[in-house]
Structure formats: C-alpha cells, structure tokens
C-alpha cells in the first residue's frame, strides 16, 4: 500500500458528560460519512480502555482531494463546531503510507 491519505486525530474530552455528547456527535457524523463519502475508505473511532476521556480517530481516504472534500462537507464542519465545546485538547497526525495491506487495493 503506497497510496491514500491517512491521519490520526486524538481528542481529549472535558468530562463524562462531554464524552457522552461527543460520542453522540460522532454517531451522527459516521452515518453521514457512510452515505455521502465513498472516498472515505476507513473512518474508525477508537476508545482507550484506561483513558475514558480519550477518543482516537483513524481516517483513510482515497487521496488528498477526498480528505479535502471531507473537510468541506456540512456534517464534518458541524461536527467540529459542535464538538469544540466538549474537547480539552486535539492532536492531529498526518500519516504517510509506506507499506501494508488494504482490501481496496490502494
């Protein structure tokens, strides 16, 4: 695998109420991504067992243009705007795929 555009985003949430609200926003956004973003090849949200106020997103897109289109989507913009009140920290790491296996063949 040498194509695609990937990133990891780590969200730190303010408290338990914020985590619940954030998770509800994630559910809404995931439904829209599944319907409207075929070039979002993987969009996986992880919890960390020993860090209940953390969420880690792994996102894989066909290419940079697909990611750019994702950023322009109304559901992505709404998510970021609404989620901001629940987040105490956000770290985004862009990745460069060097090798691997992907069922989509990118």
C-alpha atoms as a PDB file:
ATOM      1  CA  UNK A   1       0.000   0.000   0.000  1.00  0.00           C
ATOM      2  CA  UNK A   2       1.608   3.224  -1.115  1.00  0.00           C
ATOM      3  CA  UNK A   3      -1.417   5.409  -1.878  1.00  0.00           C
ATOM      4  CA  UNK A   4      -4.171   7.056   0.022  1.00  0.00           C
ATOM      5  CA  UNK A   5      -4.213   9.833   2.552  1.00  0.00           C
ATOM      6  CA  UNK A   6      -4.385   8.983   6.248  1.00  0.00           C
ATOM      7  CA  UNK A   7      -4.422  10.661   9.613  1.00  0.00           C
ATOM      8  CA  UNK A   8      -4.902  10.012  13.287  1.00  0.00           C
ATOM      9  CA  UNK A   9      -6.801  12.522  15.405  1.00  0.00           C
ATOM     10  CA  UNK A  10      -6.735  12.249  19.185  1.00  0.00           C
ATOM     11  CA  UNK A  11      -9.447  14.078  21.110  1.00  0.00           C
ATOM     12  CA  UNK A  12      -9.254  14.641  24.863  1.00  0.00           C
ATOM     13  CA  UNK A  13     -12.688  15.283  26.344  1.00  0.00           C
ATOM     14  CA  UNK A  14     -13.515  17.583  29.250  1.00  0.00           C
ATOM     15  CA  UNK A  15     -15.545  15.195  31.424  1.00  0.00           C
ATOM     16  CA  UNK A  16     -18.021  12.324  31.313  1.00  0.00           C
ATOM     17  CA  UNK A  17     -20.936  14.499  30.149  1.00  0.00           C
ATOM     18  CA  UNK A  18     -18.746  15.904  27.380  1.00  0.00           C
ATOM     19  CA  UNK A  19     -17.737  12.373  26.366  1.00  0.00           C
ATOM     20  CA  UNK A  20     -21.392  11.327  26.071  1.00  0.00           C
ATOM     21  CA  UNK A  21     -22.256  14.375  23.974  1.00  0.00           C
ATOM     22  CA  UNK A  22     -19.146  13.931  21.815  1.00  0.00           C
ATOM     23  CA  UNK A  23     -19.974  10.267  21.182  1.00  0.00           C
ATOM     24  CA  UNK A  24     -23.494  11.248  20.062  1.00  0.00           C
ATOM     25  CA  UNK A  25     -21.988  13.739  17.600  1.00  0.00           C
ATOM     26  CA  UNK A  26     -19.656  11.030  16.312  1.00  0.00           C
ATOM     27  CA  UNK A  27     -22.597   8.688  15.701  1.00  0.00           C
ATOM     28  CA  UNK A  28     -24.387  11.369  13.673  1.00  0.00           C
ATOM     29  CA  UNK A  29     -21.303  12.145  11.610  1.00  0.00           C
ATOM     30  CA  UNK A  30     -20.480   8.492  10.917  1.00  0.00           C
ATOM     31  CA  UNK A  31     -23.946   7.949   9.473  1.00  0.00           C
ATOM     32  CA  UNK A  32     -23.402  10.848   7.061  1.00  0.00           C
ATOM     33  CA  UNK A  33     -19.902   9.706   6.105  1.00  0.00           C
ATOM     34  CA  UNK A  34     -21.204   6.225   5.248  1.00  0.00           C
ATOM     35  CA  UNK A  35     -23.841   7.710   2.946  1.00  0.00           C
ATOM     36  CA  UNK A  36     -22.070  10.699   1.400  1.00  0.00           C
ATOM     37  CA  UNK A  37     -18.352   9.902   1.337  1.00  0.00           C
ATOM     38  CA  UNK A  38     -17.431   6.811  -0.679  1.00  0.00           C
ATOM     39  CA  UNK A  39     -13.827   8.048  -0.881  1.00  0.00           C
ATOM     40  CA  UNK A  40     -13.536   7.808   2.912  1.00  0.00           C
ATOM     41  CA  UNK A  41     -12.152   4.271   2.873  1.00  0.00           C
ATOM     42  CA  UNK A  42     -11.844   3.923   6.650  1.00  0.00           C
ATOM     43  CA  UNK A  43     -13.150   6.159   9.410  1.00  0.00           C
ATOM     44  CA  UNK A  44     -12.717   4.335  12.680  1.00  0.00           C
ATOM     45  CA  UNK A  45     -13.237   5.787  16.138  1.00  0.00           C
ATOM     46  CA  UNK A  46     -11.412   4.080  18.991  1.00  0.00           C
ATOM     47  CA  UNK A  47     -11.776   4.332  22.738  1.00  0.00           C
ATOM     48  CA  UNK A  48      -8.834   3.637  25.032  1.00  0.00           C
ATOM     49  CA  UNK A  49      -9.654   1.263  27.904  1.00  0.00           C
ATOM     50  CA  UNK A  50      -7.530   3.065  30.519  1.00  0.00           C
ATOM     51  CA  UNK A  51      -8.311   6.577  29.221  1.00  0.00           C
ATOM     52  CA  UNK A  52     -12.096   7.037  29.173  1.00  0.00           C
ATOM     53  CA  UNK A  53     -11.871  10.720  28.203  1.00  0.00           C
ATOM     54  CA  UNK A  54      -9.855   9.996  25.039  1.00  0.00           C
ATOM     55  CA  UNK A  55     -11.021   9.169  21.538  1.00  0.00           C
ATOM     56  CA  UNK A  56      -8.710   8.281  18.676  1.00  0.00           C
ATOM     57  CA  UNK A  57      -9.876   8.537  15.073  1.00  0.00           C
ATOM     58  CA  UNK A  58      -8.140   6.693  12.242  1.00  0.00           C
ATOM     59  CA  UNK A  59      -9.117   8.105   8.868  1.00  0.00           C
ATOM     60  CA  UNK A  60      -8.088   6.787   5.456  1.00  0.00           C
ATOM     61  CA  UNK A  61      -9.132   8.491   2.233  1.00  0.00           C
ATOM     62  CA  UNK A  62      -8.510   7.618  -1.409  1.00  0.00           C
ATOM     63  CA  UNK A  63      -6.302  10.685  -1.748  1.00  0.00           C
ATOM     64  CA  UNK A  64      -5.717  14.236  -0.524  1.00  0.00           C
ATOM     65  CA  UNK A  65      -8.622  15.506  -2.625  1.00  0.00           C
ATOM     66  CA  UNK A  66     -11.005  13.092  -0.875  1.00  0.00           C
ATOM     67  CA  UNK A  67      -9.835  14.394   2.500  1.00  0.00           C
ATOM     68  CA  UNK A  68     -10.291  17.966   1.305  1.00  0.00           C
ATOM     69  CA  UNK A  69     -13.846  17.118   0.205  1.00  0.00           C
ATOM     70  CA  UNK A  70     -14.471  15.570   3.633  1.00  0.00           C
ATOM     71  CA  UNK A  71     -13.381  18.787   5.328  1.00  0.00           C
ATOM     72  CA  UNK A  72     -15.835  20.743   3.167  1.00  0.00           C
ATOM     73  CA  UNK A  73     -18.816  18.514   3.977  1.00  0.00           C
ATOM     74  CA  UNK A  74     -21.536  20.113   6.075  1.00  0.00           C
ATOM     75  CA  UNK A  75     -21.575  17.171   8.507  1.00  0.00           C
ATOM     76  CA  UNK A  76     -17.809  17.420   9.106  1.00  0.00           C
ATOM     77  CA  UNK A  77     -17.979  21.168   9.680  1.00  0.00           C
ATOM     78  CA  UNK A  78     -20.954  20.811  12.029  1.00  0.00           C
ATOM     79  CA  UNK A  79     -19.186  18.056  13.946  1.00  0.00           C
ATOM     80  CA  UNK A  80     -16.071  20.154  14.514  1.00  0.00           C
ATOM     81  CA  UNK A  81     -18.092  23.217  15.518  1.00  0.00           C
ATOM     82  CA  UNK A  82     -20.314  21.321  17.951  1.00  0.00           C
ATOM     83  CA  UNK A  83     -17.531  19.085  19.306  1.00  0.00           C
ATOM     84  CA  UNK A  84     -15.318  22.044  20.191  1.00  0.00           C
ATOM     85  CA  UNK A  85     -17.225  22.691  23.424  1.00  0.00           C
ATOM     86  CA  UNK A  86     -16.537  19.136  24.627  1.00  0.00           C
ATOM     87  CA  UNK A  87     -12.812  18.972  23.820  1.00  0.00           C
ATOM     88  CA  UNK A  88      -9.951  19.928  26.105  1.00  0.00           C
ATOM     89  CA  UNK A  89      -7.242  19.011  23.572  1.00  0.00           C
ATOM     90  CA  UNK A  90      -6.903  17.822  19.977  1.00  0.00           C
ATOM     91  CA  UNK A  91      -3.851  16.449  18.240  1.00  0.00           C
ATOM     92  CA  UNK A  92      -3.853  15.535  14.544  1.00  0.00           C
ATOM     93  CA  UNK A  93      -1.056  13.500  12.979  1.00  0.00           C
ATOM     94  CA  UNK A  94      -0.937  13.107   9.201  1.00  0.00           C
ATOM     95  CA  UNK A  95       0.486   9.789   8.042  1.00  0.00           C
ATOM     96  CA  UNK A  96       2.445   8.674   5.000  1.00  0.00           C
ATOM     97  CA  UNK A  97       1.679   5.089   3.976  1.00  0.00           C
ATOM     98  CA  UNK A  98       4.846   3.202   3.190  1.00  0.00           C
ATOM     99  CA  UNK A  99       3.750  -0.440   3.145  1.00  0.00           C
ATOM    100  CA  UNK A 100       0.845  -2.623   4.149  1.00  0.00           C
ATOM    101  CA  UNK A 101      -2.269  -4.424   3.012  1.00  0.00           C
ATOM    102  CA  UNK A 102      -5.566  -2.826   2.163  1.00  0.00           C
ATOM    103  CA  UNK A 103      -8.569  -4.696   0.748  1.00  0.00           C
ATOM    104  CA  UNK A 104      -9.437  -1.770  -1.529  1.00  0.00           C
ATOM    105  CA  UNK A 105      -6.139  -2.087  -3.369  1.00  0.00           C
ATOM    106  CA  UNK A 106      -4.957   1.495  -2.989  1.00  0.00           C
END
